Every structure is written in C-alpha cells, then in structure tokens.
PDB file of N, CA and C in Angstrom:
ATOM      1  N   MET A   1       3.474  11.528   3.186  1.00  0.00           N
ATOM      2  CA  MET A   1       2.259  11.611   3.947  1.00  0.00           C
ATOM      3  C   MET A   1       1.607  12.937   3.615  1.00  0.00           C
ATOM      4  N   ASN A   2       0.306  12.895   3.405  1.00  0.00           N
ATOM      5  CA  ASN A   2      -0.394  14.148   3.148  1.00  0.00           C
ATOM      6  C   ASN A   2      -1.497  14.335   4.188  1.00  0.00           C
ATOM      7  N   TYR A   3      -1.801  15.585   4.453  1.00  0.00           N
ATOM      8  CA  TYR A   3      -2.786  15.919   5.470  1.00  0.00           C
ATOM      9  C   TYR A   3      -4.101  16.291   4.810  1.00  0.00           C
ATOM     10  N   LYS A   4      -5.172  15.842   5.452  1.00  0.00           N
ATOM     11  CA  LYS A   4      -6.514  16.173   4.990  1.00  0.00           C
ATOM     12  C   LYS A   4      -7.303  16.713   6.173  1.00  0.00           C
ATOM     13  N   ASN A   5      -8.207  17.624   5.903  1.00  0.00           N
ATOM     14  CA  ASN A   5      -9.079  18.149   6.943  1.00  0.00           C
ATOM     15  C   ASN A   5     -10.147  17.101   7.219  1.00  0.00           C
ATOM     16  N   ALA A   6     -10.193  16.601   8.440  1.00  0.00           N
ATOM     17  CA  ALA A   6     -11.136  15.551   8.801  1.00  0.00           C
ATOM     18  C   ALA A   6     -12.582  15.986   8.566  1.00  0.00           C
ATOM     19  N   ALA A   7     -12.866  17.255   8.745  1.00  0.00           N
ATOM     20  CA  ALA A   7     -14.234  17.744   8.557  1.00  0.00           C
ATOM     21  C   ALA A   7     -14.689  17.599   7.107  1.00  0.00           C
ATOM     22  N   SER A   8     -13.743  17.579   6.192  1.00  0.00           N
ATOM     23  CA  SER A   8     -14.128  17.489   4.782  1.00  0.00           C
ATOM     24  C   SER A   8     -14.251  16.043   4.285  1.00  0.00           C
ATOM     25  N   ILE A   9     -13.780  15.067   5.056  1.00  0.00           N
ATOM     26  CA  ILE A   9     -13.848  13.684   4.557  1.00  0.00           C
ATOM     27  C   ILE A   9     -14.570  12.709   5.480  1.00  0.00           C
ATOM     28  N   LEU A  10     -14.798  13.076   6.737  1.00  0.00           N
ATOM     29  CA  LEU A  10     -15.442  12.156   7.675  1.00  0.00           C
ATOM     30  C   LEU A  10     -16.887  12.572   7.947  1.00  0.00           C
ATOM     31  N   PRO A  11     -17.735  11.598   8.229  1.00  0.00           N
ATOM     32  CA  PRO A  11     -19.102  11.937   8.631  1.00  0.00           C
ATOM     33  C   PRO A  11     -19.082  12.715   9.957  1.00  0.00           C
ATOM     34  N   ALA A  12     -20.029  13.592  10.136  1.00  0.00           N
ATOM     35  CA  ALA A  12     -20.067  14.466  11.315  1.00  0.00           C
ATOM     36  C   ALA A  12     -20.060  13.664  12.618  1.00  0.00           C
ATOM     37  N   SER A  13     -20.782  12.548  12.660  1.00  0.00           N
ATOM     38  CA  SER A  13     -20.846  11.759  13.899  1.00  0.00           C
ATOM     39  C   SER A  13     -19.476  11.175  14.256  1.00  0.00           C
ATOM     40  N   LEU A  14     -18.751  10.710  13.261  1.00  0.00           N
ATOM     41  CA  LEU A  14     -17.419  10.158  13.515  1.00  0.00           C
ATOM     42  C   LEU A  14     -16.453  11.269  13.922  1.00  0.00           C
ATOM     43  N   LEU A  15     -16.562  12.422  13.285  1.00  0.00           N
ATOM     44  CA  LEU A  15     -15.710  13.560  13.629  1.00  0.00           C
ATOM     45  C   LEU A  15     -15.924  13.969  15.081  1.00  0.00           C
ATOM     46  N   GLU A  16     -17.169  13.991  15.519  1.00  0.00           N
ATOM     47  CA  GLU A  16     -17.466  14.350  16.913  1.00  0.00           C
ATOM     48  C   GLU A  16     -16.849  13.341  17.872  1.00  0.00           C
ATOM     49  N   GLN A  17     -16.908  12.057  17.533  1.00  0.00           N
ATOM     50  CA  GLN A  17     -16.309  11.033  18.389  1.00  0.00           C
ATOM     51  C   GLN A  17     -14.786  11.201  18.460  1.00  0.00           C
ATOM     52  N   LEU A  18     -14.164  11.475  17.334  1.00  0.00           N
ATOM     53  CA  LEU A  18     -12.716  11.665  17.318  1.00  0.00           C
ATOM     54  C   LEU A  18     -12.305  12.897  18.124  1.00  0.00           C
ATOM     55  N   GLN A  19     -13.137  13.931  18.103  1.00  0.00           N
ATOM     56  CA  GLN A  19     -12.822  15.152  18.833  1.00  0.00           C
ATOM     57  C   GLN A  19     -12.814  14.916  20.345  1.00  0.00           C
ATOM     58  N   ASP A  20     -13.443  13.849  20.811  1.00  0.00           N
ATOM     59  CA  ASP A  20     -13.364  13.504  22.232  1.00  0.00           C
ATOM     60  C   ASP A  20     -11.938  13.091  22.612  1.00  0.00           C
ATOM     61  N   TYR A  21     -11.176  12.626  21.639  1.00  0.00           N
ATOM     62  CA  TYR A  21      -9.817  12.144  21.892  1.00  0.00           C
ATOM     63  C   TYR A  21      -8.741  13.124  21.427  1.00  0.00           C
ATOM     64  N   VAL A  22      -8.941  13.723  20.271  1.00  0.00           N
ATOM     65  CA  VAL A  22      -7.940  14.627  19.692  1.00  0.00           C
ATOM     66  C   VAL A  22      -8.646  15.849  19.146  1.00  0.00           C
ATOM     67  N   GLN A  23      -8.250  17.031  19.645  1.00  0.00           N
ATOM     68  CA  GLN A  23      -8.810  18.268  19.119  1.00  0.00           C
ATOM     69  C   GLN A  23      -7.673  19.180  18.695  1.00  0.00           C
ATOM     70  N   GLY A  24      -7.683  19.591  17.456  1.00  0.00           N
ATOM     71  CA  GLY A  24      -6.700  20.533  16.969  1.00  0.00           C
ATOM     72  C   GLY A  24      -5.302  19.951  16.803  1.00  0.00           C
ATOM     73  N   GLY A  25      -5.167  18.639  16.900  1.00  0.00           N
ATOM     74  CA  GLY A  25      -3.857  18.008  16.748  1.00  0.00           C
ATOM     75  C   GLY A  25      -3.813  17.173  15.487  1.00  0.00           C
ATOM     76  N   TYR A  26      -2.715  16.455  15.325  1.00  0.00           N
ATOM     77  CA  TYR A  26      -2.544  15.582  14.169  1.00  0.00           C
ATOM     78  C   TYR A  26      -2.812  14.145  14.585  1.00  0.00           C
ATOM     79  N   LEU A  27      -3.446  13.421  13.713  1.00  0.00           N
ATOM     80  CA  LEU A  27      -3.759  12.019  13.966  1.00  0.00           C
ATOM     81  C   LEU A  27      -3.273  11.214  12.781  1.00  0.00           C
ATOM     82  N   TYR A  28      -2.394  10.258  13.032  1.00  0.00           N
ATOM     83  CA  TYR A  28      -1.880   9.399  11.967  1.00  0.00           C
ATOM     84  C   TYR A  28      -2.758   8.163  11.877  1.00  0.00           C
ATOM     85  N   ILE A  29      -3.227   7.850  10.682  1.00  0.00           N
ATOM     86  CA  ILE A  29      -4.048   6.663  10.461  1.00  0.00           C
ATOM     87  C   ILE A  29      -3.240   5.718   9.576  1.00  0.00           C
ATOM     88  N   PRO A  30      -2.756   4.607  10.148  1.00  0.00           N
ATOM     89  CA  PRO A  30      -1.906   3.693   9.372  1.00  0.00           C
ATOM     90  C   PRO A  30      -2.706   2.932   8.327  1.00  0.00           C
ATOM     91  N   LYS A  31      -1.982   2.430   7.339  1.00  0.00           N
ATOM     92  CA  LYS A  31      -2.616   1.584   6.326  1.00  0.00           C
ATOM     93  C   LYS A  31      -3.047   0.280   6.967  1.00  0.00           C
ATOM     94  N   LYS A  32      -3.952  -0.409   6.323  1.00  0.00           N
ATOM     95  CA  LYS A  32      -4.365  -1.712   6.810  1.00  0.00           C
ATOM     96  C   LYS A  32      -3.169  -2.648   6.763  1.00  0.00           C
ATOM     97  N   GLU A  33      -3.142  -3.635   7.641  1.00  0.00           N
ATOM     98  CA  GLU A  33      -2.008  -4.561   7.748  1.00  0.00           C
ATOM     99  C   GLU A  33      -1.649  -5.196   6.415  1.00  0.00           C
ATOM    100  N   ASP A  34      -2.637  -5.631   5.654  1.00  0.00           N
ATOM    101  CA  ASP A  34      -2.346  -6.330   4.409  1.00  0.00           C
ATOM    102  C   ASP A  34      -1.749  -5.413   3.344  1.00  0.00           C
ATOM    103  N   GLN A  35      -1.822  -4.103   3.533  1.00  0.00           N
ATOM    104  CA  GLN A  35      -1.261  -3.161   2.570  1.00  0.00           C
ATOM    105  C   GLN A  35       0.153  -2.742   2.951  1.00  0.00           C
ATOM    106  N   HIS A  36       0.564  -3.031   4.191  1.00  0.00           N
ATOM    107  CA  HIS A  36       1.858  -2.578   4.662  1.00  0.00           C
ATOM    108  C   HIS A  36       2.900  -3.671   4.470  1.00  0.00           C
ATOM    109  N   LYS A  37       3.963  -3.342   3.775  1.00  0.00           N
ATOM    110  CA  LYS A  37       5.060  -4.280   3.592  1.00  0.00           C
ATOM    111  C   LYS A  37       6.180  -3.895   4.544  1.00  0.00           C
ATOM    112  N   LYS A  38       6.915  -4.884   5.003  1.00  0.00           N
ATOM    113  CA  LYS A  38       8.040  -4.628   5.878  1.00  0.00           C
ATOM    114  C   LYS A  38       9.207  -4.093   5.067  1.00  0.00           C
ATOM    115  N   TRP A  39      10.164  -3.513   5.782  1.00  0.00           N
ATOM    116  CA  TRP A  39      11.332  -2.942   5.142  1.00  0.00           C
ATOM    117  C   TRP A  39      12.008  -3.994   4.262  1.00  0.00           C
ATOM    118  N   GLY A  40      12.321  -3.630   3.035  1.00  0.00           N
ATOM    119  CA  GLY A  40      13.086  -4.478   2.144  1.00  0.00           C
ATOM    120  C   GLY A  40      12.303  -5.521   1.383  1.00  0.00           C
ATOM    121  N   ASP A  41      11.018  -5.700   1.696  1.00  0.00           N
ATOM    122  CA  ASP A  41      10.221  -6.706   0.983  1.00  0.00           C
ATOM    123  C   ASP A  41      10.020  -6.331  -0.477  1.00  0.00           C
ATOM    124  N   LYS A  42       9.817  -5.069  -0.739  1.00  0.00           N
ATOM    125  CA  LYS A  42       9.522  -4.619  -2.098  1.00  0.00           C
ATOM    126  C   LYS A  42      10.759  -4.657  -2.995  1.00  0.00           C
ATOM    127  N   THR A  43      11.924  -4.319  -2.433  1.00  0.00           N
ATOM    128  CA  THR A  43      13.144  -4.210  -3.223  1.00  0.00           C
ATOM    129  C   THR A  43      14.022  -5.457  -3.175  1.00  0.00           C
ATOM    130  N   GLY A  44      13.735  -6.351  -2.239  1.00  0.00           N
ATOM    131  CA  GLY A  44      14.560  -7.552  -2.092  1.00  0.00           C
ATOM    132  C   GLY A  44      15.734  -7.360  -1.141  1.00  0.00           C
ATOM    133  N   SER A  45      15.845  -6.177  -0.537  1.00  0.00           N
ATOM    134  CA  SER A  45      16.948  -5.913   0.389  1.00  0.00           C
ATOM    135  C   SER A  45      16.906  -6.833   1.597  1.00  0.00           C
ATOM    136  N   ARG A  46      15.713  -7.130   2.081  1.00  0.00           N
ATOM    137  CA  ARG A  46      15.572  -8.005   3.242  1.00  0.00           C
ATOM    138  C   ARG A  46      16.153  -9.382   2.931  1.00  0.00           C
ATOM    139  N   THR A  47      15.860  -9.904   1.756  1.00  0.00           N
ATOM    140  CA  THR A  47      16.359 -11.224   1.364  1.00  0.00           C
ATOM    141  C   THR A  47      17.872 -11.218   1.216  1.00  0.00           C
ATOM    142  N   ARG A  48      18.405 -10.196   0.558  1.00  0.00           N
ATOM    143  CA  ARG A  48      19.859 -10.107   0.375  1.00  0.00           C
ATOM    144  C   ARG A  48      20.586  -9.978   1.707  1.00  0.00           C
ATOM    145  N   THR A  49      20.042  -9.182   2.614  1.00  0.00           N
ATOM    146  CA  THR A  49      20.662  -9.014   3.927  1.00  0.00           C
ATOM    147  C   THR A  49      20.624 -10.318   4.708  1.00  0.00           C
ATOM    148  N   SER A  50      19.517 -11.022   4.646  1.00  0.00           N
ATOM    149  CA  SER A  50      19.400 -12.303   5.331  1.00  0.00           C
ATOM    150  C   SER A  50      20.401 -13.322   4.786  1.00  0.00           C
ATOM    151  N   GLN A  51      20.538 -13.364   3.471  1.00  0.00           N
ATOM    152  CA  GLN A  51      21.500 -14.289   2.859  1.00  0.00           C
ATOM    153  C   GLN A  51      22.929 -13.918   3.243  1.00  0.00           C
ATOM    154  N   ARG A  52      23.242 -12.635   3.250  1.00  0.00           N
ATOM    155  CA  ARG A  52      24.571 -12.181   3.656  1.00  0.00           C
ATOM    156  C   ARG A  52      24.858 -12.592   5.091  1.00  0.00           C
ATOM    157  N   ASN A  53      23.869 -12.407   5.978  1.00  0.00           N
ATOM    158  CA  ASN A  53      24.059 -12.759   7.381  1.00  0.00           C
ATOM    159  C   ASN A  53      24.262 -14.259   7.557  1.00  0.00           C
ATOM    160  N   GLN A  54      23.582 -15.070   6.765  1.00  0.00           N
ATOM    161  CA  GLN A  54      23.789 -16.518   6.809  1.00  0.00           C
ATOM    162  C   GLN A  54      25.216 -16.869   6.402  1.00  0.00           C
ATOM    163  N   ARG A  55      25.721 -16.204   5.366  1.00  0.00           N
ATOM    164  CA  ARG A  55      27.108 -16.452   4.932  1.00  0.00           C
ATOM    165  C   ARG A  55      28.092 -16.042   6.023  1.00  0.00           C
ATOM    166  N   ILE A  56      27.819 -14.932   6.690  1.00  0.00           N
ATOM    167  CA  ILE A  56      28.695 -14.477   7.777  1.00  0.00           C
ATOM    168  C   ILE A  56      28.717 -15.515   8.894  1.00  0.00           C
ATOM    169  N   ARG A  57      27.552 -16.013   9.290  1.00  0.00           N
ATOM    170  CA  ARG A  57      27.499 -17.031  10.349  1.00  0.00           C
ATOM    171  C   ARG A  57      28.239 -18.301   9.935  1.00  0.00           C
ATOM    172  N   LYS A  58      28.048 -18.700   8.689  1.00  0.00           N
ATOM    173  CA  LYS A  58      28.724 -19.905   8.176  1.00  0.00           C
ATOM    174  C   LYS A  58      30.240 -19.713   8.203  1.00  0.00           C
ATOM    175  N   ASP A  59      30.713 -18.564   7.725  1.00  0.00           N
ATOM    176  CA  ASP A  59      32.144 -18.278   7.717  1.00  0.00           C
ATOM    177  C   ASP A  59      32.705 -18.251   9.139  1.00  0.00           C
ATOM    178  N   TYR A  60      31.944 -17.683  10.074  1.00  0.00           N
ATOM    179  CA  TYR A  60      32.393 -17.622  11.465  1.00  0.00           C
ATOM    180  C   TYR A  60      32.533 -19.026  12.043  1.00  0.00           C
ATOM    181  N   HIS A  61      31.528 -19.863  11.793  1.00  0.00           N
ATOM    182  CA  HIS A  61      31.569 -21.231  12.324  1.00  0.00           C
ATOM    183  C   HIS A  61      32.623 -22.089  11.622  1.00  0.00           C
ATOM    184  N   SER A  62      33.065 -21.629  10.466  1.00  0.00           N
ATOM    185  CA  SER A  62      34.141 -22.327   9.756  1.00  0.00           C
ATOM    186  C   SER A  62      35.520 -21.885  10.254  1.00  0.00           C
ATOM    187  N   GLY A  63      35.552 -20.911  11.168  1.00  0.00           N
ATOM    188  CA  GLY A  63      36.812 -20.511  11.761  1.00  0.00           C
ATOM    189  C   GLY A  63      37.293 -19.120  11.419  1.00  0.00           C
ATOM    190  N   MET A  64      36.567 -18.363  10.614  1.00  0.00           N
ATOM    191  CA  MET A  64      37.007 -17.016  10.265  1.00  0.00           C
ATOM    192  C   MET A  64      36.815 -16.093  11.473  1.00  0.00           C
ATOM    193  N   SER A  65      37.795 -15.255  11.747  1.00  0.00           N
ATOM    194  CA  SER A  65      37.717 -14.349  12.898  1.00  0.00           C
ATOM    195  C   SER A  65      36.722 -13.217  12.627  1.00  0.00           C
ATOM    196  N   ILE A  66      36.272 -12.618  13.712  1.00  0.00           N
ATOM    197  CA  ILE A  66      35.328 -11.502  13.597  1.00  0.00           C
ATOM    198  C   ILE A  66      35.988 -10.328  12.871  1.00  0.00           C
ATOM    199  N   GLU A  67      37.259 -10.089  13.128  1.00  0.00           N
ATOM    200  CA  GLU A  67      37.972  -8.995  12.460  1.00  0.00           C
ATOM    201  C   GLU A  67      38.066  -9.237  10.953  1.00  0.00           C
ATOM    202  N   LYS A  68      38.361 -10.488  10.574  1.00  0.00           N
ATOM    203  CA  LYS A  68      38.447 -10.834   9.152  1.00  0.00           C
ATOM    204  C   LYS A  68      37.070 -10.697   8.488  1.00  0.00           C
ATOM    205  N   LEU A  69      36.013 -11.128   9.180  1.00  0.00           N
ATOM    206  CA  LEU A  69      34.646 -10.978   8.654  1.00  0.00           C
ATOM    207  C   LEU A  69      34.322  -9.500   8.450  1.00  0.00           C
ATOM    208  N   SER A  70      34.746  -8.682   9.404  1.00  0.00           N
ATOM    209  CA  SER A  70      34.511  -7.243   9.306  1.00  0.00           C
ATOM    210  C   SER A  70      35.165  -6.670   8.051  1.00  0.00           C
ATOM    211  N   ASP A  71      36.393  -7.077   7.782  1.00  0.00           N
ATOM    212  CA  ASP A  71      37.098  -6.608   6.588  1.00  0.00           C
ATOM    213  C   ASP A  71      36.473  -7.157   5.311  1.00  0.00           C
ATOM    214  N   THR A  72      36.088  -8.419   5.341  1.00  0.00           N
ATOM    215  CA  THR A  72      35.543  -9.078   4.146  1.00  0.00           C
ATOM    216  C   THR A  72      34.193  -8.505   3.735  1.00  0.00           C
ATOM    217  N   TYR A  73      33.327  -8.274   4.713  1.00  0.00           N
ATOM    218  CA  TYR A  73      31.960  -7.828   4.412  1.00  0.00           C
ATOM    219  C   TYR A  73      31.769  -6.319   4.567  1.00  0.00           C
ATOM    220  N   PHE A  74      32.857  -5.593   4.876  1.00  0.00           N
ATOM    221  CA  PHE A  74      32.802  -4.130   5.005  1.00  0.00           C
ATOM    222  C   PHE A  74      31.771  -3.685   6.044  1.00  0.00           C
ATOM    223  N   LEU A  75      31.767  -4.388   7.184  1.00  0.00           N
ATOM    224  CA  LEU A  75      30.876  -4.061   8.290  1.00  0.00           C
ATOM    225  C   LEU A  75      31.722  -3.851   9.542  1.00  0.00           C
ATOM    226  N   SER A  76      31.172  -3.134  10.499  1.00  0.00           N
ATOM    227  CA  SER A  76      31.913  -2.920  11.741  1.00  0.00           C
ATOM    228  C   SER A  76      31.992  -4.215  12.542  1.00  0.00           C
ATOM    229  N   VAL A  77      32.995  -4.279  13.411  1.00  0.00           N
ATOM    230  CA  VAL A  77      33.145  -5.437  14.291  1.00  0.00           C
ATOM    231  C   VAL A  77      31.890  -5.593  15.144  1.00  0.00           C
ATOM    232  N   HIS A  78      31.349  -4.487  15.603  1.00  0.00           N
ATOM    233  CA  HIS A  78      30.128  -4.516  16.423  1.00  0.00           C
ATOM    234  C   HIS A  78      28.967  -5.157  15.661  1.00  0.00           C
ATOM    235  N   THR A  79      28.795  -4.784  14.394  1.00  0.00           N
ATOM    236  CA  THR A  79      27.712  -5.343  13.577  1.00  0.00           C
ATOM    237  C   THR A  79      27.924  -6.835  13.348  1.00  0.00           C
ATOM    238  N   ILE A  80      29.153  -7.231  13.075  1.00  0.00           N
ATOM    239  CA  ILE A  80      29.458  -8.653  12.881  1.00  0.00           C
ATOM    240  C   ILE A  80      29.126  -9.442  14.137  1.00  0.00           C
ATOM    241  N   ARG A  81      29.496  -8.905  15.288  1.00  0.00           N
ATOM    242  CA  ARG A  81      29.174  -9.595  16.551  1.00  0.00           C
ATOM    243  C   ARG A  81      27.672  -9.766  16.722  1.00  0.00           C
ATOM    244  N   LYS A  82      26.916  -8.717  16.399  1.00  0.00           N
ATOM    245  CA  LYS A  82      25.452  -8.821  16.532  1.00  0.00           C
ATOM    246  C   LYS A  82      24.909  -9.925  15.629  1.00  0.00           C
ATOM    247  N   ILE A  83      25.445 -10.031  14.422  1.00  0.00           N
ATOM    248  CA  ILE A  83      24.987 -11.061  13.477  1.00  0.00           C
ATOM    249  C   ILE A  83      25.376 -12.442  13.973  1.00  0.00           C
ATOM    250  N   VAL A  84      26.623 -12.599  14.384  1.00  0.00           N
ATOM    251  CA  VAL A  84      27.149 -13.901  14.795  1.00  0.00           C
ATOM    252  C   VAL A  84      26.487 -14.390  16.076  1.00  0.00           C
ATOM    253  N   TYR A  85      26.310 -13.496  17.033  1.00  0.00           N
ATOM    254  CA  TYR A  85      25.758 -13.908  18.324  1.00  0.00           C
ATOM    255  C   TYR A  85      24.232 -13.808  18.373  1.00  0.00           C
ATOM    256  N   GLY A  86      23.615 -13.435  17.256  1.00  0.00           N
ATOM    257  CA  GLY A  86      22.159 -13.484  17.129  1.00  0.00           C
ATOM    258  C   GLY A  86      21.404 -12.407  17.855  1.00  0.00           C
ATOM    259  N   ARG A  87      22.003 -11.234  18.050  1.00  0.00           N
ATOM    260  CA  ARG A  87      21.288 -10.143  18.700  1.00  0.00           C
ATOM    261  C   ARG A  87      20.568  -9.308  17.685  1.00  0.00           C
TER     262      ARG A  87
END
C-alpha cells in the first residue's frame, strides 16, 4: 500500500467534502469489487484446500477417526473437527 497526498490528486471540491469526515488522518480506499480477488484465487490455494477438505470429509464418513485424519493430513485435531463438522 502506498500513500498519496489527497491535495495533489483530488479536485478541491472533493477534498473539502472528505475533510468533513477525516482531517489529518489516513483513509483507505479499497479497489473496486471486480478487481479484488479472494484469498487463494490467484494461486489455486483455495481450490486445493477445498479439495483436501472434501477428501477429509469423505474419509471421516468412511470411518476414519479424527485422530487418524489429523495424522494423515498433518492438521490439528481441532482443525479436522472444524472441517468435518462444517464450522
């Protein structure tokens, strides 16, 4: 994130309106919705994690214990429970 002086990039009328809300502070302006990707969309991590979680649920419903799932997938018992019970 980089900071810019609002006085150097915004029209004076808009700057005056913004000063009614924020003076001398920092204001974060997010990207437009269509430009923002969710975590893991760009790298494929979201897809891999989702597929892993599906396999964990399948293994659990096939009879594998939570402790065994924890050892198999190298995740904590707490994390396995969250995946299995849908939290």
